[in-house]
Amino acid sequence: MGSPYSDRDLQSPLNQDNLEYLRFLELRVKNHELFDHLFLNHLATGKYKPESVLFILVQIGKMVMPFAGILATLVGQAPDIESRFVLFDSMYEKIGRGDIKQTTQCCTRKC
């Protein structure tokens, strides 16, 4: 199956602008601190056994599932987008607004 796009389509200024933007976005994502995390670096280089990775991911899933379920219930019952925004903003504040040191203690231990 061939490409549905002609050479003219692929060389168009709009397509070139889109490609440039995607390259820029890919570079930003690759250089983001999230992807420079030690766990992800070890995972990428094969330093962890598949069984260990599976165990870690299952444990994280067990912690996240109840919280995600409660959040989904709250958001699903919110009457409008503004109410949903308030819920997400409150949650973002509880998790420290991106700073783990500012995280509410209830997020890091049983209350």
C-alpha atoms as a PDB file:
ATOM      1  CA  MET A   1       0.000   0.000   0.000  1.00  0.00           C
ATOM      2  CA  GLY A   2       1.487   3.318  -1.034  1.00  0.00           C
ATOM      3  CA  SER A   3       1.280   6.684   0.649  1.00  0.00           C
ATOM      4  CA  PRO A   4      -1.918   8.643   0.028  1.00  0.00           C
ATOM      5  CA  TYR A   5       0.186  11.813  -0.157  1.00  0.00           C
ATOM      6  CA  SER A   6       1.911  13.070  -3.278  1.00  0.00           C
ATOM      7  CA  ASP A   7       5.439  14.492  -3.301  1.00  0.00           C
ATOM      8  CA  ARG A   8       3.857  17.912  -3.691  1.00  0.00           C
ATOM      9  CA  ASP A   9       1.815  17.363  -0.498  1.00  0.00           C
ATOM     10  CA  LEU A  10       4.877  16.284   1.435  1.00  0.00           C
ATOM     11  CA  GLN A  11       6.910  19.287   0.297  1.00  0.00           C
ATOM     12  CA  SER A  12       4.183  21.841   0.992  1.00  0.00           C
ATOM     13  CA  PRO A  13       5.063  24.732   3.334  1.00  0.00           C
ATOM     14  CA  LEU A  14       2.339  23.661   5.766  1.00  0.00           C
ATOM     15  CA  ASN A  15       3.697  20.121   5.963  1.00  0.00           C
ATOM     16  CA  GLN A  16       7.243  21.432   6.408  1.00  0.00           C
ATOM     17  CA  ASP A  17       6.071  23.690   9.248  1.00  0.00           C
ATOM     18  CA  ASN A  18       4.357  20.729  10.887  1.00  0.00           C
ATOM     19  CA  LEU A  19       7.503  18.605  10.597  1.00  0.00           C
ATOM     20  CA  GLU A  20       9.610  21.378  12.106  1.00  0.00           C
ATOM     21  CA  TYR A  21       7.173  21.707  15.007  1.00  0.00           C
ATOM     22  CA  LEU A  22       7.180  17.936  15.599  1.00  0.00           C
ATOM     23  CA  ARG A  23      11.004  17.880  15.639  1.00  0.00           C
ATOM     24  CA  PHE A  24      11.002  20.764  18.126  1.00  0.00           C
ATOM     25  CA  LEU A  25       8.421  18.998  20.296  1.00  0.00           C
ATOM     26  CA  GLU A  26      10.338  15.719  20.193  1.00  0.00           C
ATOM     27  CA  LEU A  27      13.518  17.491  21.295  1.00  0.00           C
ATOM     28  CA  ARG A  28      11.694  19.176  24.196  1.00  0.00           C
ATOM     29  CA  VAL A  29      10.213  15.874  25.306  1.00  0.00           C
ATOM     30  CA  LYS A  30      13.556  14.055  25.067  1.00  0.00           C
ATOM     31  CA  ASN A  31      15.237  16.747  27.167  1.00  0.00           C
ATOM     32  CA  HIS A  32      12.502  16.912  29.808  1.00  0.00           C
ATOM     33  CA  GLU A  33      13.655  15.969  33.310  1.00  0.00           C
ATOM     34  CA  LEU A  34      10.981  13.287  33.554  1.00  0.00           C
ATOM     35  CA  PHE A  35      12.809  11.197  30.959  1.00  0.00           C
ATOM     36  CA  ASP A  36      16.149  11.643  32.712  1.00  0.00           C
ATOM     37  CA  HIS A  37      14.885   9.758  35.766  1.00  0.00           C
ATOM     38  CA  LEU A  38      17.215   7.056  37.084  1.00  0.00           C
ATOM     39  CA  PHE A  39      14.481   4.395  37.013  1.00  0.00           C
ATOM     40  CA  LEU A  40      13.664   5.096  33.369  1.00  0.00           C
ATOM     41  CA  ASN A  41      17.349   5.175  32.413  1.00  0.00           C
ATOM     42  CA  HIS A  42      17.923   1.777  34.039  1.00  0.00           C
ATOM     43  CA  LEU A  43      14.776   0.460  32.433  1.00  0.00           C
ATOM     44  CA  ALA A  44      15.932   1.614  28.989  1.00  0.00           C
ATOM     45  CA  THR A  45      19.361   0.018  29.375  1.00  0.00           C
ATOM     46  CA  GLY A  46      18.023  -3.327  30.591  1.00  0.00           C
ATOM     47  CA  LYS A  47      19.470  -3.116  34.121  1.00  0.00           C
ATOM     48  CA  TYR A  48      16.196  -4.322  35.635  1.00  0.00           C
ATOM     49  CA  LYS A  49      14.812  -7.818  35.205  1.00  0.00           C
ATOM     50  CA  PRO A  50      11.361  -7.950  33.580  1.00  0.00           C
ATOM     51  CA  GLU A  51       9.964  -9.636  36.718  1.00  0.00           C
ATOM     52  CA  SER A  52      11.180  -6.749  38.893  1.00  0.00           C
ATOM     53  CA  VAL A  53       9.682  -4.145  36.599  1.00  0.00           C
ATOM     54  CA  LEU A  54       6.371  -6.005  36.555  1.00  0.00           C
ATOM     55  CA  PHE A  55       6.366  -6.157  40.370  1.00  0.00           C
ATOM     56  CA  ILE A  56       7.034  -2.409  40.693  1.00  0.00           C
ATOM     57  CA  LEU A  57       4.387  -1.460  38.147  1.00  0.00           C
ATOM     58  CA  VAL A  58       1.773  -3.707  39.767  1.00  0.00           C
ATOM     59  CA  GLN A  59       2.477  -2.174  43.184  1.00  0.00           C
ATOM     60  CA  ILE A  60       2.200   1.357  41.798  1.00  0.00           C
ATOM     61  CA  GLY A  61      -1.031   0.369  40.083  1.00  0.00           C
ATOM     62  CA  LYS A  62      -2.449  -0.877  43.401  1.00  0.00           C
ATOM     63  CA  MET A  63      -1.734   2.534  44.946  1.00  0.00           C
ATOM     64  CA  VAL A  64      -3.085   4.565  42.041  1.00  0.00           C
ATOM     65  CA  MET A  65      -6.272   2.618  41.227  1.00  0.00           C
ATOM     66  CA  PRO A  66      -8.367   3.600  44.275  1.00  0.00           C
ATOM     67  CA  PHE A  67      -7.356   7.236  43.970  1.00  0.00           C
ATOM     68  CA  ALA A  68      -8.076   7.293  40.240  1.00  0.00           C
ATOM     69  CA  GLY A  69     -11.468   5.689  40.852  1.00  0.00           C
ATOM     70  CA  ILE A  70     -12.423   8.293  43.443  1.00  0.00           C
ATOM     71  CA  LEU A  71     -11.241  11.092  41.191  1.00  0.00           C
ATOM     72  CA  ALA A  72     -13.167   9.694  38.226  1.00  0.00           C
ATOM     73  CA  THR A  73     -16.312   9.505  40.362  1.00  0.00           C
ATOM     74  CA  LEU A  74     -15.920  13.095  41.547  1.00  0.00           C
ATOM     75  CA  VAL A  75     -15.200  14.430  38.071  1.00  0.00           C
ATOM     76  CA  GLY A  76     -18.060  12.412  36.597  1.00  0.00           C
ATOM     77  CA  GLN A  77     -20.488  13.973  39.051  1.00  0.00           C
ATOM     78  CA  ALA A  78     -19.239  17.532  38.604  1.00  0.00           C
ATOM     79  CA  PRO A  79     -22.009  19.618  37.048  1.00  0.00           C
ATOM     80  CA  ASP A  80     -19.789  21.669  34.713  1.00  0.00           C
ATOM     81  CA  ILE A  81     -16.255  22.253  33.452  1.00  0.00           C
ATOM     82  CA  GLU A  82     -15.589  24.943  36.059  1.00  0.00           C
ATOM     83  CA  SER A  83     -16.306  22.470  38.855  1.00  0.00           C
ATOM     84  CA  ARG A  84     -13.992  19.938  37.244  1.00  0.00           C
ATOM     85  CA  PHE A  85     -11.268  22.558  37.034  1.00  0.00           C
ATOM     86  CA  VAL A  86     -11.647  23.285  40.769  1.00  0.00           C
ATOM     87  CA  LEU A  87     -11.272  19.557  41.539  1.00  0.00           C
ATOM     88  CA  PHE A  88      -8.153  19.195  39.404  1.00  0.00           C
ATOM     89  CA  ASP A  89      -6.659  22.418  40.778  1.00  0.00           C
ATOM     90  CA  SER A  90      -7.230  21.207  44.332  1.00  0.00           C
ATOM     91  CA  MET A  91      -5.622  17.869  43.501  1.00  0.00           C
ATOM     92  CA  TYR A  92      -2.643  19.633  41.893  1.00  0.00           C
ATOM     93  CA  GLU A  93      -2.210  21.689  45.064  1.00  0.00           C
ATOM     94  CA  LYS A  94      -2.351  18.532  47.224  1.00  0.00           C
ATOM     95  CA  ILE A  95       0.426  16.920  45.192  1.00  0.00           C
ATOM     96  CA  GLY A  96       2.657  19.955  45.671  1.00  0.00           C
ATOM     97  CA  ARG A  97       2.192  21.770  42.361  1.00  0.00           C
ATOM     98  CA  GLY A  98       5.130  19.834  40.936  1.00  0.00           C
ATOM     99  CA  ASP A  99       7.341  20.058  44.042  1.00  0.00           C
ATOM    100  CA  ILE A 100       7.419  16.798  46.019  1.00  0.00           C
ATOM    101  CA  LYS A 101       8.549  18.696  49.144  1.00  0.00           C
ATOM    102  CA  GLN A 102       5.299  20.656  49.120  1.00  0.00           C
ATOM    103  CA  THR A 103       3.094  17.566  48.851  1.00  0.00           C
ATOM    104  CA  THR A 104       0.365  17.239  51.465  1.00  0.00           C
ATOM    105  CA  GLN A 105       1.343  14.551  53.985  1.00  0.00           C
ATOM    106  CA  CYS A 106      -1.875  12.649  53.266  1.00  0.00           C
ATOM    107  CA  CYS A 107      -0.545  11.992  49.770  1.00  0.00           C
ATOM    108  CA  THR A 108       2.576  10.288  51.071  1.00  0.00           C
ATOM    109  CA  ARG A 109       1.265   8.307  54.050  1.00  0.00           C
ATOM    110  CA  LYS A 110      -1.989   6.895  55.401  1.00  0.00           C
ATOM    111  CA  CYS A 111      -4.063   9.616  57.072  1.00  0.00           C
END
